Amino acid sequence: MSELDVKILVRQLNNIEQCIYPALAKPDYQKIYANWNMAEHLTMQYFEQQVLNELLGRENFLAMQNDKASMEYFHQQHHKFNHQEANVDQEKCNAFKPTYREIYQRM
């Protein structure tokens, strides 16, 4: 997984998170994460996996998931490049919210 892939993933996930939780763009965003319930964490994990699957392709995504060293590298890179920068398109966000709610309800 390249640095560019991780940067794309981070931006897409931040866009999703800040679409649903706009307050994550504020300096005290860590308080919001601390108050998430299990369903919120699992829902975001689901979307992370969807983005990774799209970025890497299904075969590479599954190979990464099944390789401990690859997953450790991914988590290191994710931590390194993670930020709270997002570029939420409100129209896309409004169209995405029902999908989020559906996945959240399943969790």
PDB file of N, CA and C in Angstrom:
ATOM      1  N   MET A   1       0.854  -1.167   0.000  1.00  0.00           N
ATOM      2  CA  MET A   1       0.000   0.000   0.000  1.00  0.00           C
ATOM      3  C   MET A   1       0.898   1.228   0.000  1.00  0.00           C
ATOM      4  N   SER A   2       0.691   2.092  -0.948  1.00  0.00           N
ATOM      5  CA  SER A   2       1.539   3.272  -1.074  1.00  0.00           C
ATOM      6  C   SER A   2       1.104   4.375  -0.110  1.00  0.00           C
ATOM      7  N   GLU A   3       1.994   5.344   0.090  1.00  0.00           N
ATOM      8  CA  GLU A   3       1.648   6.507   0.910  1.00  0.00           C
ATOM      9  C   GLU A   3       0.461   7.248   0.301  1.00  0.00           C
ATOM     10  N   LEU A   4       0.437   7.325  -1.018  1.00  0.00           N
ATOM     11  CA  LEU A   4      -0.672   8.004  -1.691  1.00  0.00           C
ATOM     12  C   LEU A   4      -1.991   7.293  -1.395  1.00  0.00           C
ATOM     13  N   ASP A   5      -1.991   5.968  -1.420  1.00  0.00           N
ATOM     14  CA  ASP A   5      -3.202   5.216  -1.085  1.00  0.00           C
ATOM     15  C   ASP A   5      -3.681   5.550   0.325  1.00  0.00           C
ATOM     16  N   VAL A   6      -2.758   5.614   1.258  1.00  0.00           N
ATOM     17  CA  VAL A   6      -3.123   5.919   2.654  1.00  0.00           C
ATOM     18  C   VAL A   6      -3.669   7.344   2.748  1.00  0.00           C
ATOM     19  N   LYS A   7      -3.038   8.276   2.063  1.00  0.00           N
ATOM     20  CA  LYS A   7      -3.515   9.668   2.087  1.00  0.00           C
ATOM     21  C   LYS A   7      -4.916   9.776   1.493  1.00  0.00           C
ATOM     22  N   ILE A   8      -5.171   9.047   0.412  1.00  0.00           N
ATOM     23  CA  ILE A   8      -6.509   9.032  -0.194  1.00  0.00           C
ATOM     24  C   ILE A   8      -7.515   8.433   0.779  1.00  0.00           C
ATOM     25  N   LEU A   9      -7.141   7.320   1.395  1.00  0.00           N
ATOM     26  CA  LEU A   9      -8.015   6.674   2.372  1.00  0.00           C
ATOM     27  C   LEU A   9      -8.359   7.631   3.504  1.00  0.00           C
ATOM     28  N   VAL A  10      -7.348   8.275   4.071  1.00  0.00           N
ATOM     29  CA  VAL A  10      -7.558   9.196   5.194  1.00  0.00           C
ATOM     30  C   VAL A  10      -8.507  10.313   4.795  1.00  0.00           C
ATOM     31  N   ARG A  11      -8.293  10.897   3.618  1.00  0.00           N
ATOM     32  CA  ARG A  11      -9.160  11.997   3.178  1.00  0.00           C
ATOM     33  C   ARG A  11     -10.593  11.510   2.992  1.00  0.00           C
ATOM     34  N   GLN A  12     -10.765  10.355   2.383  1.00  0.00           N
ATOM     35  CA  GLN A  12     -12.119   9.839   2.172  1.00  0.00           C
ATOM     36  C   GLN A  12     -12.807   9.520   3.493  1.00  0.00           C
ATOM     37  N   LEU A  13     -12.080   8.924   4.424  1.00  0.00           N
ATOM     38  CA  LEU A  13     -12.677   8.616   5.725  1.00  0.00           C
ATOM     39  C   LEU A  13     -12.998   9.882   6.503  1.00  0.00           C
ATOM     40  N   ASN A  14     -12.123  10.868   6.449  1.00  0.00           N
ATOM     41  CA  ASN A  14     -12.404  12.130   7.124  1.00  0.00           C
ATOM     42  C   ASN A  14     -13.626  12.806   6.511  1.00  0.00           C
ATOM     43  N   ASN A  15     -13.775  12.711   5.203  1.00  0.00           N
ATOM     44  CA  ASN A  15     -14.969  13.265   4.559  1.00  0.00           C
ATOM     45  C   ASN A  15     -16.227  12.569   5.058  1.00  0.00           C
ATOM     46  N   ILE A  16     -16.168  11.239   5.167  1.00  0.00           N
ATOM     47  CA  ILE A  16     -17.325  10.483   5.666  1.00  0.00           C
ATOM     48  C   ILE A  16     -17.621  10.864   7.113  1.00  0.00           C
ATOM     49  N   GLU A  17     -16.596  10.837   7.945  1.00  0.00           N
ATOM     50  CA  GLU A  17     -16.788  11.156   9.366  1.00  0.00           C
ATOM     51  C   GLU A  17     -17.357  12.553   9.561  1.00  0.00           C
ATOM     52  N   GLN A  18     -16.790  13.533   8.868  1.00  0.00           N
ATOM     53  CA  GLN A  18     -17.225  14.914   9.074  1.00  0.00           C
ATOM     54  C   GLN A  18     -18.550  15.213   8.384  1.00  0.00           C
ATOM     55  N   CYS A  19     -18.932  14.391   7.446  1.00  0.00           N
ATOM     56  CA  CYS A  19     -20.276  14.488   6.880  1.00  0.00           C
ATOM     57  C   CYS A  19     -21.291  14.144   7.965  1.00  0.00           C
ATOM     58  N   ILE A  20     -21.040  13.053   8.657  1.00  0.00           N
ATOM     59  CA  ILE A  20     -21.962  12.562   9.686  1.00  0.00           C
ATOM     60  C   ILE A  20     -21.794  13.335  10.996  1.00  0.00           C
ATOM     61  N   TYR A  21     -20.550  13.650  11.350  1.00  0.00           N
ATOM     62  CA  TYR A  21     -20.232  14.346  12.602  1.00  0.00           C
ATOM     63  C   TYR A  21     -19.427  15.611  12.289  1.00  0.00           C
ATOM     64  N   PRO A  22     -20.076  16.692  11.883  1.00  0.00           N
ATOM     65  CA  PRO A  22     -19.356  17.921  11.500  1.00  0.00           C
ATOM     66  C   PRO A  22     -18.440  18.467  12.602  1.00  0.00           C
ATOM     67  N   ALA A  23     -18.752  18.197  13.856  1.00  0.00           N
ATOM     68  CA  ALA A  23     -17.932  18.701  14.961  1.00  0.00           C
ATOM     69  C   ALA A  23     -16.536  18.077  14.981  1.00  0.00           C
ATOM     70  N   LEU A  24     -16.318  17.010  14.201  1.00  0.00           N
ATOM     71  CA  LEU A  24     -14.980  16.413  14.135  1.00  0.00           C
ATOM     72  C   LEU A  24     -13.975  17.346  13.476  1.00  0.00           C
ATOM     73  N   ALA A  25     -14.438  18.397  12.847  1.00  0.00           N
ATOM     74  CA  ALA A  25     -13.540  19.375  12.233  1.00  0.00           C
ATOM     75  C   ALA A  25     -12.995  20.362  13.266  1.00  0.00           C
ATOM     76  N   LYS A  26     -13.507  20.305  14.470  1.00  0.00           N
ATOM     77  CA  LYS A  26     -13.095  21.244  15.519  1.00  0.00           C
ATOM     78  C   LYS A  26     -11.923  20.679  16.313  1.00  0.00           C
ATOM     79  N   PRO A  27     -11.199  21.567  17.021  1.00  0.00           N
ATOM     80  CA  PRO A  27     -10.004  21.132  17.754  1.00  0.00           C
ATOM     81  C   PRO A  27     -10.231  20.036  18.796  1.00  0.00           C
ATOM     82  N   ASP A  28     -11.390  19.972  19.396  1.00  0.00           N
ATOM     83  CA  ASP A  28     -11.627  18.975  20.452  1.00  0.00           C
ATOM     84  C   ASP A  28     -12.275  17.696  19.901  1.00  0.00           C
ATOM     85  N   TYR A  29     -11.954  17.364  18.657  1.00  0.00           N
ATOM     86  CA  TYR A  29     -12.561  16.215  17.980  1.00  0.00           C
ATOM     87  C   TYR A  29     -12.359  14.898  18.736  1.00  0.00           C
ATOM     88  N   GLN A  30     -11.284  14.775  19.499  1.00  0.00           N
ATOM     89  CA  GLN A  30     -11.010  13.504  20.186  1.00  0.00           C
ATOM     90  C   GLN A  30     -12.091  13.160  21.206  1.00  0.00           C
ATOM     91  N   LYS A  31     -12.764  14.169  21.745  1.00  0.00           N
ATOM     92  CA  LYS A  31     -13.854  13.922  22.688  1.00  0.00           C
ATOM     93  C   LYS A  31     -15.013  13.206  21.997  1.00  0.00           C
ATOM     94  N   ILE A  32     -15.226  13.533  20.738  1.00  0.00           N
ATOM     95  CA  ILE A  32     -16.308  12.893  19.991  1.00  0.00           C
ATOM     96  C   ILE A  32     -15.999  11.410  19.792  1.00  0.00           C
ATOM     97  N   TYR A  33     -14.781  11.117  19.353  1.00  0.00           N
ATOM     98  CA  TYR A  33     -14.387   9.708  19.188  1.00  0.00           C
ATOM     99  C   TYR A  33     -14.527   8.944  20.508  1.00  0.00           C
ATOM    100  N   ALA A  34     -14.162   9.581  21.594  1.00  0.00           N
ATOM    101  CA  ALA A  34     -14.209   8.922  22.903  1.00  0.00           C
ATOM    102  C   ALA A  34     -15.642   8.562  23.305  1.00  0.00           C
ATOM    103  N   ASN A  35     -16.611   9.290  22.773  1.00  0.00           N
ATOM    104  CA  ASN A  35     -18.012   9.039  23.131  1.00  0.00           C
ATOM    105  C   ASN A  35     -18.759   8.161  22.130  1.00  0.00           C
ATOM    106  N   TRP A  36     -18.074   7.705  21.087  1.00  0.00           N
ATOM    107  CA  TRP A  36     -18.738   6.832  20.115  1.00  0.00           C
ATOM    108  C   TRP A  36     -19.099   5.507  20.759  1.00  0.00           C
ATOM    109  N   ASN A  37     -20.244   4.993  20.369  1.00  0.00           N
ATOM    110  CA  ASN A  37     -20.626   3.665  20.832  1.00  0.00           C
ATOM    111  C   ASN A  37     -20.053   2.616  19.870  1.00  0.00           C
ATOM    112  N   MET A  38     -20.256   1.357  20.200  1.00  0.00           N
ATOM    113  CA  MET A  38     -19.695   0.273  19.396  1.00  0.00           C
ATOM    114  C   MET A  38     -20.222   0.315  17.961  1.00  0.00           C
ATOM    115  N   ALA A  39     -21.506   0.618  17.789  1.00  0.00           N
ATOM    116  CA  ALA A  39     -22.088   0.664  16.442  1.00  0.00           C
ATOM    117  C   ALA A  39     -21.422   1.740  15.586  1.00  0.00           C
ATOM    118  N   GLU A  40     -21.107   2.868  16.178  1.00  0.00           N
ATOM    119  CA  GLU A  40     -20.431   3.937  15.422  1.00  0.00           C
ATOM    120  C   GLU A  40     -19.032   3.492  14.992  1.00  0.00           C
ATOM    121  N   HIS A  41     -18.306   2.864  15.890  1.00  0.00           N
ATOM    122  CA  HIS A  41     -16.970   2.366  15.545  1.00  0.00           C
ATOM    123  C   HIS A  41     -17.052   1.300  14.443  1.00  0.00           C
ATOM    124  N   LEU A  42     -17.977   0.381  14.579  1.00  0.00           N
ATOM    125  CA  LEU A  42     -18.116  -0.688  13.587  1.00  0.00           C
ATOM    126  C   LEU A  42     -18.564  -0.139  12.229  1.00  0.00           C
ATOM    127  N   THR A  43     -19.426   0.865  12.253  1.00  0.00           N
ATOM    128  CA  THR A  43     -19.883   1.472  11.003  1.00  0.00           C
ATOM    129  C   THR A  43     -18.725   2.136  10.281  1.00  0.00           C
ATOM    130  N   MET A  44     -17.898   2.871  11.001  1.00  0.00           N
ATOM    131  CA  MET A  44     -16.750   3.519  10.359  1.00  0.00           C
ATOM    132  C   MET A  44     -15.734   2.476   9.900  1.00  0.00           C
ATOM    133  N   GLN A  45     -15.591   1.402  10.645  1.00  0.00           N
ATOM    134  CA  GLN A  45     -14.700   0.325  10.228  1.00  0.00           C
ATOM    135  C   GLN A  45     -15.213  -0.295   8.923  1.00  0.00           C
ATOM    136  N   TYR A  46     -16.509  -0.452   8.814  1.00  0.00           N
ATOM    137  CA  TYR A  46     -17.112  -0.968   7.585  1.00  0.00           C
ATOM    138  C   TYR A  46     -16.745  -0.067   6.404  1.00  0.00           C
ATOM    139  N   PHE A  47     -16.902   1.245   6.567  1.00  0.00           N
ATOM    140  CA  PHE A  47     -16.601   2.160   5.467  1.00  0.00           C
ATOM    141  C   PHE A  47     -15.104   2.199   5.161  1.00  0.00           C
ATOM    142  N   GLU A  48     -14.275   2.054   6.186  1.00  0.00           N
ATOM    143  CA  GLU A  48     -12.832   1.977   5.952  1.00  0.00           C
ATOM    144  C   GLU A  48     -12.518   0.772   5.069  1.00  0.00           C
ATOM    145  N   GLN A  49     -13.122  -0.348   5.374  1.00  0.00           N
ATOM    146  CA  GLN A  49     -12.885  -1.550   4.580  1.00  0.00           C
ATOM    147  C   GLN A  49     -13.402  -1.396   3.154  1.00  0.00           C
ATOM    148  N   GLN A  50     -14.519  -0.707   2.985  1.00  0.00           N
ATOM    149  CA  GLN A  50     -15.047  -0.473   1.644  1.00  0.00           C
ATOM    150  C   GLN A  50     -14.095   0.391   0.819  1.00  0.00           C
ATOM    151  N   VAL A  51     -13.570   1.445   1.437  1.00  0.00           N
ATOM    152  CA  VAL A  51     -12.637   2.334   0.737  1.00  0.00           C
ATOM    153  C   VAL A  51     -11.352   1.580   0.402  1.00  0.00           C
ATOM    154  N   LEU A  52     -10.840   0.813   1.359  1.00  0.00           N
ATOM    155  CA  LEU A  52      -9.634   0.023   1.102  1.00  0.00           C
ATOM    156  C   LEU A  52      -9.851  -0.977  -0.037  1.00  0.00           C
ATOM    157  N   ASN A  53     -10.987  -1.606  -0.051  1.00  0.00           N
ATOM    158  CA  ASN A  53     -11.316  -2.564  -1.104  1.00  0.00           C
ATOM    159  C   ASN A  53     -11.309  -1.872  -2.472  1.00  0.00           C
ATOM    160  N   GLU A  54     -11.858  -0.672  -2.530  1.00  0.00           N
ATOM    161  CA  GLU A  54     -11.879   0.084  -3.782  1.00  0.00           C
ATOM    162  C   GLU A  54     -10.474   0.526  -4.192  1.00  0.00           C
ATOM    163  N   LEU A  55      -9.696   0.995  -3.229  1.00  0.00           N
ATOM    164  CA  LEU A  55      -8.342   1.492  -3.523  1.00  0.00           C
ATOM    165  C   LEU A  55      -7.392   0.384  -3.973  1.00  0.00           C
ATOM    166  N   LEU A  56      -7.436  -0.728  -3.271  1.00  0.00           N
ATOM    167  CA  LEU A  56      -6.457  -1.786  -3.486  1.00  0.00           C
ATOM    168  C   LEU A  56      -6.926  -2.880  -4.433  1.00  0.00           C
ATOM    169  N   GLY A  57      -8.227  -2.992  -4.607  1.00  0.00           N
ATOM    170  CA  GLY A  57      -8.776  -4.132  -5.324  1.00  0.00           C
ATOM    171  C   GLY A  57      -9.046  -5.247  -4.323  1.00  0.00           C
ATOM    172  N   ARG A  58     -10.034  -6.044  -4.604  1.00  0.00           N
ATOM    173  CA  ARG A  58     -10.478  -7.067  -3.653  1.00  0.00           C
ATOM    174  C   ARG A  58      -9.368  -8.045  -3.276  1.00  0.00           C
ATOM    175  N   GLU A  59      -8.642  -8.524  -4.266  1.00  0.00           N
ATOM    176  CA  GLU A  59      -7.596  -9.520  -4.021  1.00  0.00           C
ATOM    177  C   GLU A  59      -6.487  -8.965  -3.127  1.00  0.00           C
ATOM    178  N   ASN A  60      -6.018  -7.761  -3.424  1.00  0.00           N
ATOM    179  CA  ASN A  60      -4.958  -7.147  -2.615  1.00  0.00           C
ATOM    180  C   ASN A  60      -5.461  -6.789  -1.222  1.00  0.00           C
ATOM    181  N   PHE A  61      -6.714  -6.360  -1.135  1.00  0.00           N
ATOM    182  CA  PHE A  61      -7.302  -6.031   0.158  1.00  0.00           C
ATOM    183  C   PHE A  61      -7.335  -7.275   1.052  1.00  0.00           C
ATOM    184  N   LEU A  62      -7.790  -8.403   0.499  1.00  0.00           N
ATOM    185  CA  LEU A  62      -7.851  -9.636   1.277  1.00  0.00           C
ATOM    186  C   LEU A  62      -6.458 -10.120   1.656  1.00  0.00           C
ATOM    187  N   ALA A  63      -5.505  -9.976   0.736  1.00  0.00           N
ATOM    188  CA  ALA A  63      -4.127 -10.382   1.035  1.00  0.00           C
ATOM    189  C   ALA A  63      -3.574  -9.547   2.188  1.00  0.00           C
ATOM    190  N   MET A  64      -3.836  -8.247   2.173  1.00  0.00           N
ATOM    191  CA  MET A  64      -3.364  -7.363   3.244  1.00  0.00           C
ATOM    192  C   MET A  64      -4.006  -7.760   4.570  1.00  0.00           C
ATOM    193  N   GLN A  65      -5.292  -8.032   4.561  1.00  0.00           N
ATOM    194  CA  GLN A  65      -5.994  -8.403   5.786  1.00  0.00           C
ATOM    195  C   GLN A  65      -5.456  -9.693   6.397  1.00  0.00           C
ATOM    196  N   ASN A  66      -4.976 -10.570   5.562  1.00  0.00           N
ATOM    197  CA  ASN A  66      -4.490 -11.868   6.035  1.00  0.00           C
ATOM    198  C   ASN A  66      -3.005 -11.888   6.353  1.00  0.00           C
ATOM    199  N   ASP A  67      -2.356 -10.743   6.277  1.00  0.00           N
ATOM    200  CA  ASP A  67      -0.919 -10.667   6.532  1.00  0.00           C
ATOM    201  C   ASP A  67      -0.675  -9.688   7.685  1.00  0.00           C
ATOM    202  N   LYS A  68      -0.216 -10.217   8.808  1.00  0.00           N
ATOM    203  CA  LYS A  68      -0.032  -9.403  10.008  1.00  0.00           C
ATOM    204  C   LYS A  68       0.926  -8.233   9.769  1.00  0.00           C
ATOM    205  N   ALA A  69       2.031  -8.470   9.090  1.00  0.00           N
ATOM    206  CA  ALA A  69       3.008  -7.406   8.828  1.00  0.00           C
ATOM    207  C   ALA A  69       2.401  -6.310   7.959  1.00  0.00           C
ATOM    208  N   SER A  70       1.613  -6.706   6.973  1.00  0.00           N
ATOM    209  CA  SER A  70       0.957  -5.710   6.108  1.00  0.00           C
ATOM    210  C   SER A  70      -0.030  -4.865   6.905  1.00  0.00           C
ATOM    211  N   MET A  71      -0.773  -5.497   7.793  1.00  0.00           N
ATOM    212  CA  MET A  71      -1.736  -4.754   8.612  1.00  0.00           C
ATOM    213  C   MET A  71      -1.030  -3.808   9.570  1.00  0.00           C
ATOM    214  N   GLU A  72       0.080  -4.251  10.155  1.00  0.00           N
ATOM    215  CA  GLU A  72       0.845  -3.372  11.040  1.00  0.00           C
ATOM    216  C   GLU A  72       1.367  -2.172  10.266  1.00  0.00           C
ATOM    217  N   TYR A  73       1.893  -2.415   9.075  1.00  0.00           N
ATOM    218  CA  TYR A  73       2.385  -1.328   8.225  1.00  0.00           C
ATOM    219  C   TYR A  73       1.238  -0.372   7.883  1.00  0.00           C
ATOM    220  N   PHE A  74       0.097  -0.924   7.525  1.00  0.00           N
ATOM    221  CA  PHE A  74      -1.058  -0.086   7.209  1.00  0.00           C
ATOM    222  C   PHE A  74      -1.424   0.795   8.397  1.00  0.00           C
ATOM    223  N   HIS A  75      -1.498   0.212   9.589  1.00  0.00           N
ATOM    224  CA  HIS A  75      -1.872   0.992  10.775  1.00  0.00           C
ATOM    225  C   HIS A  75      -0.830   2.074  11.079  1.00  0.00           C
ATOM    226  N   GLN A  76       0.438   1.772  10.888  1.00  0.00           N
ATOM    227  CA  GLN A  76       1.490   2.786  11.082  1.00  0.00           C
ATOM    228  C   GLN A  76       1.311   3.933  10.099  1.00  0.00           C
ATOM    229  N   GLN A  77       1.099   3.587   8.838  1.00  0.00           N
ATOM    230  CA  GLN A  77       0.930   4.615   7.809  1.00  0.00           C
ATOM    231  C   GLN A  77      -0.348   5.423   8.058  1.00  0.00           C
ATOM    232  N   HIS A  78      -1.398   4.744   8.448  1.00  0.00           N
ATOM    233  CA  HIS A  78      -2.661   5.436   8.731  1.00  0.00           C
ATOM    234  C   HIS A  78      -2.465   6.441   9.865  1.00  0.00           C
ATOM    235  N   HIS A  79      -1.797   6.000  10.918  1.00  0.00           N
ATOM    236  CA  HIS A  79      -1.528   6.894  12.053  1.00  0.00           C
ATOM    237  C   HIS A  79      -0.643   8.073  11.619  1.00  0.00           C
ATOM    238  N   LYS A  80       0.342   7.789  10.797  1.00  0.00           N
ATOM    239  CA  LYS A  80       1.280   8.816  10.330  1.00  0.00           C
ATOM    240  C   LYS A  80       0.570   9.903   9.519  1.00  0.00           C
ATOM    241  N   PHE A  81      -0.338   9.513   8.655  1.00  0.00           N
ATOM    242  CA  PHE A  81      -0.960  10.466   7.739  1.00  0.00           C
ATOM    243  C   PHE A  81      -2.351  10.916   8.161  1.00  0.00           C
ATOM    244  N   ASN A  82      -2.864  10.363   9.244  1.00  0.00           N
ATOM    245  CA  ASN A  82      -4.207  10.746   9.656  1.00  0.00           C
ATOM    246  C   ASN A  82      -4.222  12.198  10.106  1.00  0.00           C
ATOM    247  N   HIS A  83      -5.283  12.858   9.776  1.00  0.00           N
ATOM    248  CA  HIS A  83      -5.483  14.267  10.105  1.00  0.00           C
ATOM    249  C   HIS A  83      -6.981  14.512  10.116  1.00  0.00           C
ATOM    250  N   GLN A  84      -7.377  15.663  10.460  1.00  0.00           N
ATOM    251  CA  GLN A  84      -8.802  15.966  10.491  1.00  0.00           C
ATOM    252  C   GLN A  84      -9.226  16.808   9.293  1.00  0.00           C
ATOM    253  N   GLU A  85      -8.380  16.912   8.284  1.00  0.00           N
ATOM    254  CA  GLU A  85      -8.728  17.706   7.116  1.00  0.00           C
ATOM    255  C   GLU A  85      -9.756  16.960   6.281  1.00  0.00           C
ATOM    256  N   ALA A  86     -10.760  17.687   5.860  1.00  0.00           N
ATOM    257  CA  ALA A  86     -11.800  17.099   5.024  1.00  0.00           C
ATOM    258  C   ALA A  86     -12.283  18.154   4.039  1.00  0.00           C
ATOM    259  N   ASN A  87     -12.945  17.693   3.035  1.00  0.00           N
ATOM    260  CA  ASN A  87     -13.536  18.563   2.034  1.00  0.00           C
ATOM    261  C   ASN A  87     -14.927  18.020   1.750  1.00  0.00           C
ATOM    262  N   VAL A  88     -15.824  18.222   2.691  1.00  0.00           N
ATOM    263  CA  VAL A  88     -17.153  17.630   2.620  1.00  0.00           C
ATOM    264  C   VAL A  88     -17.996  18.396   1.601  1.00  0.00           C
ATOM    265  N   ASP A  89     -18.434  17.682   0.598  1.00  0.00           N
ATOM    266  CA  ASP A  89     -19.364  18.215  -0.395  1.00  0.00           C
ATOM    267  C   ASP A  89     -20.762  17.984   0.173  1.00  0.00           C
ATOM    268  N   GLN A  90     -21.468  19.039   0.502  1.00  0.00           N
ATOM    269  CA  GLN A  90     -22.745  18.908   1.203  1.00  0.00           C
ATOM    270  C   GLN A  90     -23.768  18.121   0.392  1.00  0.00           C
ATOM    271  N   GLU A  91     -23.767  18.277  -0.910  1.00  0.00           N
ATOM    272  CA  GLU A  91     -24.718  17.524  -1.741  1.00  0.00           C
ATOM    273  C   GLU A  91     -24.430  16.029  -1.661  1.00  0.00           C
ATOM    274  N   LYS A  92     -23.153  15.646  -1.793  1.00  0.00           N
ATOM    275  CA  LYS A  92     -22.776  14.243  -1.680  1.00  0.00           C
ATOM    276  C   LYS A  92     -23.034  13.731  -0.267  1.00  0.00           C
ATOM    277  N   CYS A  93     -22.784  14.576   0.699  1.00  0.00           N
ATOM    278  CA  CYS A  93     -23.008  14.205   2.096  1.00  0.00           C
ATOM    279  C   CYS A  93     -24.479  13.885   2.332  1.00  0.00           C
ATOM    280  N   ASN A  94     -25.356  14.747   1.865  1.00  0.00           N
ATOM    281  CA  ASN A  94     -26.790  14.514   2.056  1.00  0.00           C
ATOM    282  C   ASN A  94     -27.237  13.225   1.363  1.00  0.00           C
ATOM    283  N   ALA A  95     -26.657  12.929   0.206  1.00  0.00           N
ATOM    284  CA  ALA A  95     -26.991  11.698  -0.513  1.00  0.00           C
ATOM    285  C   ALA A  95     -26.428  10.467   0.216  1.00  0.00           C
ATOM    286  N   PHE A  96     -25.319  10.639   0.941  1.00  0.00           N
ATOM    287  CA  PHE A  96     -24.658   9.542   1.641  1.00  0.00           C
ATOM    288  C   PHE A  96     -25.321   9.199   2.977  1.00  0.00           C
ATOM    289  N   LYS A  97     -25.925  10.145   3.626  1.00  0.00           N
ATOM    290  CA  LYS A  97     -26.467   9.936   4.977  1.00  0.00           C
ATOM    291  C   LYS A  97     -27.422   8.749   5.099  1.00  0.00           C
ATOM    292  N   PRO A  98     -28.333   8.515   4.155  1.00  0.00           N
ATOM    293  CA  PRO A  98     -29.194   7.322   4.288  1.00  0.00           C
ATOM    294  C   PRO A  98     -28.390   6.013   4.262  1.00  0.00           C
ATOM    295  N   THR A  99     -27.344   5.962   3.462  1.00  0.00           N
ATOM    296  CA  THR A  99     -26.489   4.771   3.416  1.00  0.00           C
ATOM    297  C   THR A  99     -25.818   4.566   4.763  1.00  0.00           C
ATOM    298  N   TYR A 100     -25.299   5.651   5.334  1.00  0.00           N
ATOM    299  CA  TYR A 100     -24.670   5.564   6.651  1.00  0.00           C
ATOM    300  C   TYR A 100     -25.661   5.042   7.683  1.00  0.00           C
ATOM    301  N   ARG A 101     -26.862   5.632   7.703  1.00  0.00           N
ATOM    302  CA  ARG A 101     -27.875   5.219   8.687  1.00  0.00           C
ATOM    303  C   ARG A 101     -28.241   3.737   8.523  1.00  0.00           C
ATOM    304  N   GLU A 102     -28.328   3.283   7.273  1.00  0.00           N
ATOM    305  CA  GLU A 102     -28.655   1.878   7.024  1.00  0.00           C
ATOM    306  C   GLU A 102     -27.582   0.950   7.578  1.00  0.00           C
ATOM    307  N   ILE A 103     -26.325   1.259   7.302  1.00  0.00           N
ATOM    308  CA  ILE A 103     -25.216   0.432   7.807  1.00  0.00           C
ATOM    309  C   ILE A 103     -25.163   0.511   9.332  1.00  0.00           C
ATOM    310  N   TYR A 104     -25.324   1.711   9.871  1.00  0.00           N
ATOM    311  CA  TYR A 104     -25.301   1.901  11.323  1.00  0.00           C
ATOM    312  C   TYR A 104     -26.378   1.036  11.998  1.00  0.00           C
ATOM    313  N   GLN A 105     -27.572   1.001  11.431  1.00  0.00           N
ATOM    314  CA  GLN A 105     -28.660   0.216  12.008  1.00  0.00           C
ATOM    315  C   GLN A 105     -28.352  -1.281  11.979  1.00  0.00           C
ATOM    316  N   ARG A 106     -27.623  -1.718  10.968  1.00  0.00           N
ATOM    317  CA  ARG A 106     -27.245  -3.134  10.884  1.00  0.00           C
ATOM    318  C   ARG A 106     -26.234  -3.515  11.960  1.00  0.00           C
ATOM    319  N   MET A 107     -25.414  -2.542  12.367  1.00  0.00           N
ATOM    320  CA  MET A 107     -24.366  -2.818  13.354  1.00  0.00           C
ATOM    321  C   MET A 107     -25.008  -2.952  14.710  1.00  0.00           C
TER     322      MET A 107
END
